[in-house]
Amino acid sequence: MDTPKSKSGLVISEDVIIKMAANAAMETPGVAAVTGGPAGIDRLGGLLKKESSFSAVRISVVNDGVMVDISISVVYGGNIQEIAANVQKSVKSALQDMTGHAIDKVNVYIVDMEQPQPVKE
């Protein structure tokens, strides 16, 4: 990927942009994990591993615009359309705010569903 460069000449690593997108998605209610496959393969204890966020998030730069593809696992019982729309908004907003680059599109792929974790008392 060609990493976008701002008018000030600042270049942000693709790895950093990927982490920003993964973190924004994880903060969205209803998202169980940012993952490239079924639960348990790419994550451990609900924490992102470096490999999982990198395989689950792809960044493309086209004509100074950025497109994001992100794969997530959702919590069972949630409204999947609503969760996906909220992930799109969260990722787009976070990346635009933190990088100053226009985000043209955020594609969300639902690749797994998980049971909600019981509340520990």
N, C-alpha and C. Protein backbone atom coordinates (compact mmCIF):
# COMPACT_ATOMS: atom_id res chain seq x y z
N MET A 1 0.84 -1.18 0.00
CA MET A 1 0.00 0.00 0.00
C MET A 1 0.88 1.23 0.00
N ASP A 2 0.47 2.24 -0.72
CA ASP A 2 1.11 3.55 -0.63
C ASP A 2 0.51 4.24 0.57
N THR A 3 1.36 4.56 1.55
CA THR A 3 0.87 5.24 2.74
C THR A 3 0.55 6.68 2.39
N PRO A 4 -0.66 7.15 2.76
CA PRO A 4 -1.02 8.53 2.42
C PRO A 4 -0.12 9.53 3.14
N LYS A 5 0.19 10.61 2.45
CA LYS A 5 1.01 11.66 3.02
C LYS A 5 0.16 12.92 3.13
N SER A 6 0.23 13.57 4.28
CA SER A 6 -0.54 14.79 4.47
C SER A 6 0.16 15.95 3.78
N LYS A 7 -0.56 17.07 3.70
CA LYS A 7 0.02 18.27 3.08
C LYS A 7 1.24 18.75 3.84
N SER A 8 1.33 18.44 5.14
CA SER A 8 2.48 18.85 5.94
C SER A 8 3.66 17.91 5.75
N GLY A 9 3.48 16.82 5.01
CA GLY A 9 4.56 15.87 4.77
C GLY A 9 4.59 14.73 5.77
N LEU A 10 3.65 14.71 6.73
CA LEU A 10 3.59 13.65 7.73
C LEU A 10 3.18 12.34 7.06
N VAL A 11 3.93 11.28 7.34
CA VAL A 11 3.60 9.95 6.83
C VAL A 11 3.29 9.06 8.03
N ILE A 12 2.14 8.41 8.01
CA ILE A 12 1.74 7.51 9.09
C ILE A 12 1.85 6.08 8.57
N SER A 13 2.53 5.25 9.31
CA SER A 13 2.73 3.86 8.94
C SER A 13 1.40 3.14 8.74
N GLU A 14 1.35 2.26 7.76
CA GLU A 14 0.16 1.45 7.52
C GLU A 14 -0.19 0.64 8.77
N ASP A 15 0.83 0.14 9.47
CA ASP A 15 0.60 -0.63 10.69
C ASP A 15 -0.15 0.19 11.74
N VAL A 16 0.19 1.47 11.85
CA VAL A 16 -0.46 2.35 12.82
C VAL A 16 -1.91 2.58 12.41
N ILE A 17 -2.17 2.79 11.13
CA ILE A 17 -3.53 3.00 10.65
C ILE A 17 -4.38 1.75 10.89
N ILE A 18 -3.79 0.58 10.67
CA ILE A 18 -4.49 -0.68 10.92
C ILE A 18 -4.86 -0.80 12.39
N LYS A 19 -3.94 -0.47 13.27
CA LYS A 19 -4.22 -0.54 14.71
C LYS A 19 -5.31 0.45 15.10
N MET A 20 -5.28 1.64 14.53
CA MET A 20 -6.32 2.63 14.80
C MET A 20 -7.69 2.08 14.41
N ALA A 21 -7.78 1.49 13.24
CA ALA A 21 -9.05 0.94 12.75
C ALA A 21 -9.53 -0.20 13.64
N ALA A 22 -8.61 -1.09 14.01
CA ALA A 22 -8.97 -2.23 14.87
C ALA A 22 -9.45 -1.74 16.24
N ASN A 23 -8.77 -0.78 16.81
CA ASN A 23 -9.16 -0.26 18.12
C ASN A 23 -10.52 0.42 18.06
N ALA A 24 -10.77 1.20 17.01
CA ALA A 24 -12.06 1.87 16.85
C ALA A 24 -13.19 0.83 16.74
N ALA A 25 -12.95 -0.23 16.00
CA ALA A 25 -13.97 -1.28 15.85
C ALA A 25 -14.22 -1.98 17.18
N MET A 26 -13.16 -2.28 17.93
CA MET A 26 -13.31 -2.97 19.22
C MET A 26 -14.07 -2.16 20.23
N GLU A 27 -14.04 -0.84 20.12
CA GLU A 27 -14.76 0.03 21.04
C GLU A 27 -16.25 0.13 20.71
N THR A 28 -16.65 -0.46 19.60
CA THR A 28 -18.05 -0.40 19.16
C THR A 28 -18.87 -1.47 19.87
N PRO A 29 -19.98 -1.09 20.52
CA PRO A 29 -20.83 -2.09 21.19
C PRO A 29 -21.29 -3.16 20.20
N GLY A 30 -21.25 -4.42 20.66
CA GLY A 30 -21.68 -5.54 19.84
C GLY A 30 -20.54 -6.23 19.11
N VAL A 31 -19.35 -5.62 19.10
CA VAL A 31 -18.20 -6.24 18.46
C VAL A 31 -17.48 -7.09 19.50
N ALA A 32 -17.35 -8.39 19.20
CA ALA A 32 -16.66 -9.30 20.11
C ALA A 32 -15.16 -9.32 19.83
N ALA A 33 -14.80 -9.20 18.55
CA ALA A 33 -13.38 -9.25 18.18
C ALA A 33 -13.20 -8.72 16.77
N VAL A 34 -12.00 -8.24 16.51
CA VAL A 34 -11.56 -7.95 15.14
C VAL A 34 -10.74 -9.17 14.77
N THR A 35 -11.24 -9.94 13.80
CA THR A 35 -10.66 -11.25 13.56
C THR A 35 -10.73 -11.63 12.09
N GLY A 36 -9.77 -12.41 11.67
CA GLY A 36 -9.75 -12.89 10.30
C GLY A 36 -10.46 -14.21 10.14
N GLY A 37 -10.95 -14.81 11.23
CA GLY A 37 -11.59 -16.12 11.14
C GLY A 37 -12.42 -16.41 12.37
N PRO A 38 -12.82 -17.65 12.54
CA PRO A 38 -13.67 -18.02 13.67
C PRO A 38 -13.02 -17.70 15.01
N ALA A 39 -13.86 -17.48 16.01
CA ALA A 39 -13.38 -17.13 17.35
C ALA A 39 -12.42 -18.19 17.87
N GLY A 40 -11.43 -17.72 18.62
CA GLY A 40 -10.48 -18.64 19.22
C GLY A 40 -9.25 -18.86 18.37
N ILE A 41 -9.31 -18.57 17.09
CA ILE A 41 -8.16 -18.76 16.23
C ILE A 41 -7.27 -17.53 16.23
N ASP A 42 -7.88 -16.35 16.12
CA ASP A 42 -7.10 -15.14 15.99
C ASP A 42 -7.08 -14.26 17.23
N ARG A 43 -7.67 -14.73 18.29
CA ARG A 43 -7.67 -13.88 19.47
C ARG A 43 -7.49 -14.74 20.71
N LEU A 44 -7.12 -14.10 21.80
CA LEU A 44 -6.88 -14.80 23.04
C LEU A 44 -7.44 -13.95 24.17
N GLY A 45 -8.43 -14.46 24.87
CA GLY A 45 -8.98 -13.76 26.02
C GLY A 45 -9.57 -12.41 25.68
N GLY A 46 -10.07 -12.22 24.46
CA GLY A 46 -10.68 -10.95 24.08
C GLY A 46 -9.67 -9.88 23.71
N LEU A 47 -8.39 -10.19 23.78
CA LEU A 47 -7.37 -9.20 23.43
C LEU A 47 -6.89 -9.45 22.02
N LEU A 48 -6.71 -8.37 21.29
CA LEU A 48 -6.19 -8.51 19.93
C LEU A 48 -4.74 -8.94 19.95
N LYS A 49 -4.41 -9.90 19.12
CA LYS A 49 -3.02 -10.23 18.88
C LYS A 49 -2.60 -9.41 17.68
N LYS A 50 -1.34 -9.11 17.57
CA LYS A 50 -0.85 -8.32 16.43
C LYS A 50 -1.24 -8.99 15.11
N GLU A 51 -1.06 -10.30 15.03
CA GLU A 51 -1.35 -11.00 13.78
C GLU A 51 -2.83 -10.91 13.41
N SER A 52 -3.73 -10.97 14.40
CA SER A 52 -5.15 -10.97 14.08
C SER A 52 -5.60 -9.64 13.53
N SER A 53 -5.14 -8.54 14.12
CA SER A 53 -5.58 -7.25 13.63
C SER A 53 -5.02 -6.98 12.24
N PHE A 54 -3.81 -7.50 11.97
CA PHE A 54 -3.23 -7.27 10.66
C PHE A 54 -3.93 -8.10 9.59
N SER A 55 -4.36 -9.31 9.90
CA SER A 55 -5.04 -10.11 8.90
C SER A 55 -6.50 -9.70 8.75
N ALA A 56 -7.05 -9.07 9.77
CA ALA A 56 -8.46 -8.72 9.76
C ALA A 56 -8.73 -7.32 9.22
N VAL A 57 -7.70 -6.50 9.06
CA VAL A 57 -7.86 -5.14 8.58
C VAL A 57 -6.96 -4.93 7.37
N ARG A 58 -7.55 -4.43 6.31
CA ARG A 58 -6.77 -4.10 5.11
C ARG A 58 -7.04 -2.65 4.75
N ILE A 59 -5.98 -1.95 4.39
CA ILE A 59 -6.06 -0.54 4.02
C ILE A 59 -5.62 -0.40 2.57
N SER A 60 -6.40 0.34 1.79
CA SER A 60 -6.04 0.62 0.39
C SER A 60 -6.09 2.12 0.17
N VAL A 61 -5.11 2.64 -0.56
CA VAL A 61 -5.09 4.07 -0.88
C VAL A 61 -5.31 4.22 -2.38
N VAL A 62 -6.33 5.01 -2.74
CA VAL A 62 -6.64 5.25 -4.14
C VAL A 62 -6.87 6.76 -4.32
N ASN A 63 -6.06 7.39 -5.13
CA ASN A 63 -6.20 8.82 -5.41
C ASN A 63 -6.34 9.67 -4.14
N ASP A 64 -5.44 9.50 -3.21
CA ASP A 64 -5.42 10.25 -1.94
C ASP A 64 -6.59 9.93 -1.02
N GLY A 65 -7.42 8.97 -1.38
CA GLY A 65 -8.50 8.53 -0.50
C GLY A 65 -8.15 7.17 0.06
N VAL A 66 -8.70 6.85 1.21
CA VAL A 66 -8.38 5.60 1.89
C VAL A 66 -9.63 4.74 1.97
N MET A 67 -9.46 3.44 1.68
CA MET A 67 -10.54 2.47 1.82
C MET A 67 -10.10 1.43 2.84
N VAL A 68 -11.00 1.06 3.74
CA VAL A 68 -10.71 0.11 4.80
C VAL A 68 -11.61 -1.11 4.66
N ASP A 69 -11.03 -2.30 4.76
CA ASP A 69 -11.77 -3.55 4.84
C ASP A 69 -11.48 -4.11 6.23
N ILE A 70 -12.53 -4.40 7.01
CA ILE A 70 -12.32 -4.90 8.36
C ILE A 70 -13.26 -6.07 8.63
N SER A 71 -12.72 -7.15 9.20
CA SER A 71 -13.49 -8.34 9.52
C SER A 71 -13.68 -8.41 11.02
N ILE A 72 -14.93 -8.64 11.43
CA ILE A 72 -15.23 -8.67 12.86
C ILE A 72 -16.06 -9.89 13.23
N SER A 73 -16.03 -10.19 14.52
CA SER A 73 -16.92 -11.16 15.13
C SER A 73 -17.89 -10.36 16.00
N VAL A 74 -19.17 -10.69 15.93
CA VAL A 74 -20.17 -9.95 16.69
C VAL A 74 -20.68 -10.80 17.85
N VAL A 75 -21.26 -10.13 18.83
CA VAL A 75 -21.86 -10.81 19.98
C VAL A 75 -23.25 -11.29 19.58
N TYR A 76 -23.56 -12.55 19.89
CA TYR A 76 -24.84 -13.13 19.57
C TYR A 76 -25.96 -12.30 20.20
N GLY A 77 -27.02 -12.07 19.41
CA GLY A 77 -28.19 -11.36 19.90
C GLY A 77 -28.23 -9.91 19.49
N GLY A 78 -27.12 -9.39 18.99
CA GLY A 78 -27.09 -8.00 18.56
C GLY A 78 -27.66 -7.83 17.16
N ASN A 79 -28.06 -6.63 16.84
CA ASN A 79 -28.54 -6.31 15.51
C ASN A 79 -27.33 -6.13 14.60
N ILE A 80 -27.09 -7.11 13.74
CA ILE A 80 -25.87 -7.14 12.93
C ILE A 80 -25.77 -5.93 12.01
N GLN A 81 -26.87 -5.53 11.39
CA GLN A 81 -26.83 -4.35 10.51
C GLN A 81 -26.44 -3.10 11.29
N GLU A 82 -26.98 -2.96 12.48
CA GLU A 82 -26.68 -1.80 13.32
C GLU A 82 -25.22 -1.82 13.79
N ILE A 83 -24.75 -2.99 14.18
CA ILE A 83 -23.35 -3.12 14.62
C ILE A 83 -22.41 -2.76 13.47
N ALA A 84 -22.67 -3.30 12.29
CA ALA A 84 -21.81 -3.02 11.13
C ALA A 84 -21.82 -1.54 10.78
N ALA A 85 -23.00 -0.92 10.80
CA ALA A 85 -23.10 0.51 10.50
C ALA A 85 -22.33 1.34 11.53
N ASN A 86 -22.42 0.94 12.80
CA ASN A 86 -21.69 1.65 13.85
C ASN A 86 -20.18 1.47 13.72
N VAL A 87 -19.75 0.28 13.29
CA VAL A 87 -18.32 0.06 13.04
C VAL A 87 -17.85 0.96 11.91
N GLN A 88 -18.64 1.03 10.84
CA GLN A 88 -18.27 1.91 9.72
C GLN A 88 -18.08 3.35 10.20
N LYS A 89 -19.05 3.84 10.97
CA LYS A 89 -18.97 5.22 11.47
C LYS A 89 -17.78 5.41 12.40
N SER A 90 -17.58 4.48 13.33
CA SER A 90 -16.49 4.60 14.30
C SER A 90 -15.13 4.58 13.65
N VAL A 91 -14.93 3.63 12.74
CA VAL A 91 -13.63 3.50 12.07
C VAL A 91 -13.36 4.73 11.20
N LYS A 92 -14.35 5.13 10.44
CA LYS A 92 -14.19 6.30 9.56
C LYS A 92 -13.87 7.55 10.38
N SER A 93 -14.64 7.78 11.42
CA SER A 93 -14.44 8.96 12.26
C SER A 93 -13.07 8.95 12.94
N ALA A 94 -12.71 7.82 13.52
CA ALA A 94 -11.43 7.72 14.22
C ALA A 94 -10.25 7.96 13.27
N LEU A 95 -10.29 7.32 12.11
CA LEU A 95 -9.17 7.47 11.16
C LEU A 95 -9.09 8.89 10.62
N GLN A 96 -10.23 9.48 10.29
CA GLN A 96 -10.21 10.86 9.78
C GLN A 96 -9.72 11.82 10.85
N ASP A 97 -10.19 11.64 12.09
CA ASP A 97 -9.79 12.52 13.18
C ASP A 97 -8.30 12.40 13.49
N MET A 98 -7.79 11.15 13.51
CA MET A 98 -6.40 10.94 13.92
C MET A 98 -5.39 11.17 12.80
N THR A 99 -5.79 10.94 11.55
CA THR A 99 -4.83 11.06 10.45
C THR A 99 -5.01 12.31 9.61
N GLY A 100 -6.22 12.85 9.59
CA GLY A 100 -6.50 14.00 8.74
C GLY A 100 -6.76 13.61 7.29
N HIS A 101 -6.78 12.32 7.00
CA HIS A 101 -7.03 11.84 5.64
C HIS A 101 -8.50 11.50 5.45
N ALA A 102 -8.99 11.74 4.25
CA ALA A 102 -10.36 11.38 3.91
C ALA A 102 -10.46 9.86 3.83
N ILE A 103 -11.47 9.31 4.47
CA ILE A 103 -11.73 7.87 4.39
C ILE A 103 -12.93 7.72 3.46
N ASP A 104 -12.67 7.14 2.30
CA ASP A 104 -13.72 7.03 1.29
C ASP A 104 -14.76 5.96 1.62
N LYS A 105 -14.28 4.83 2.15
CA LYS A 105 -15.19 3.72 2.35
C LYS A 105 -14.66 2.80 3.45
N VAL A 106 -15.57 2.27 4.27
CA VAL A 106 -15.23 1.25 5.25
C VAL A 106 -16.14 0.06 4.99
N ASN A 107 -15.55 -1.05 4.55
CA ASN A 107 -16.30 -2.28 4.31
C ASN A 107 -16.17 -3.16 5.54
N VAL A 108 -17.29 -3.62 6.09
CA VAL A 108 -17.29 -4.46 7.28
C VAL A 108 -17.74 -5.87 6.88
N TYR A 109 -16.95 -6.85 7.28
CA TYR A 109 -17.25 -8.25 7.01
C TYR A 109 -17.50 -8.95 8.35
N ILE A 110 -18.67 -9.56 8.48
CA ILE A 110 -19.00 -10.31 9.69
C ILE A 110 -18.54 -11.74 9.43
N VAL A 111 -17.52 -12.20 10.17
CA VAL A 111 -16.94 -13.51 9.91
C VAL A 111 -17.23 -14.53 11.01
N ASP A 112 -17.80 -14.06 12.13
CA ASP A 112 -18.10 -15.00 13.21
C ASP A 112 -19.07 -14.34 14.19
N MET A 113 -19.67 -15.19 15.05
CA MET A 113 -20.57 -14.71 16.08
C MET A 113 -20.20 -15.45 17.37
N GLU A 114 -20.20 -14.72 18.49
CA GLU A 114 -19.82 -15.31 19.76
C GLU A 114 -20.92 -15.14 20.78
N GLN A 115 -20.98 -16.06 21.72
CA GLN A 115 -21.89 -15.95 22.85
C GLN A 115 -21.39 -14.84 23.75
N PRO A 116 -22.30 -14.08 24.36
CA PRO A 116 -21.86 -13.04 25.29
C PRO A 116 -21.14 -13.67 26.48
N GLN A 117 -20.14 -12.98 27.00
CA GLN A 117 -19.39 -13.46 28.15
C GLN A 117 -20.23 -13.23 29.41
N PRO A 118 -20.30 -14.24 30.31
CA PRO A 118 -21.06 -14.04 31.54
C PRO A 118 -20.39 -12.97 32.40
N VAL A 119 -21.23 -12.23 33.12
CA VAL A 119 -20.72 -11.17 34.00
C VAL A 119 -20.20 -11.82 35.27
N LYS A 120 -18.94 -11.53 35.61
CA LYS A 120 -18.34 -12.08 36.83
C LYS A 120 -18.66 -11.15 38.00
N GLU A 121 -19.03 -11.77 39.10
CA GLU A 121 -19.39 -10.97 40.28
C GLU A 121 -18.25 -10.93 41.27
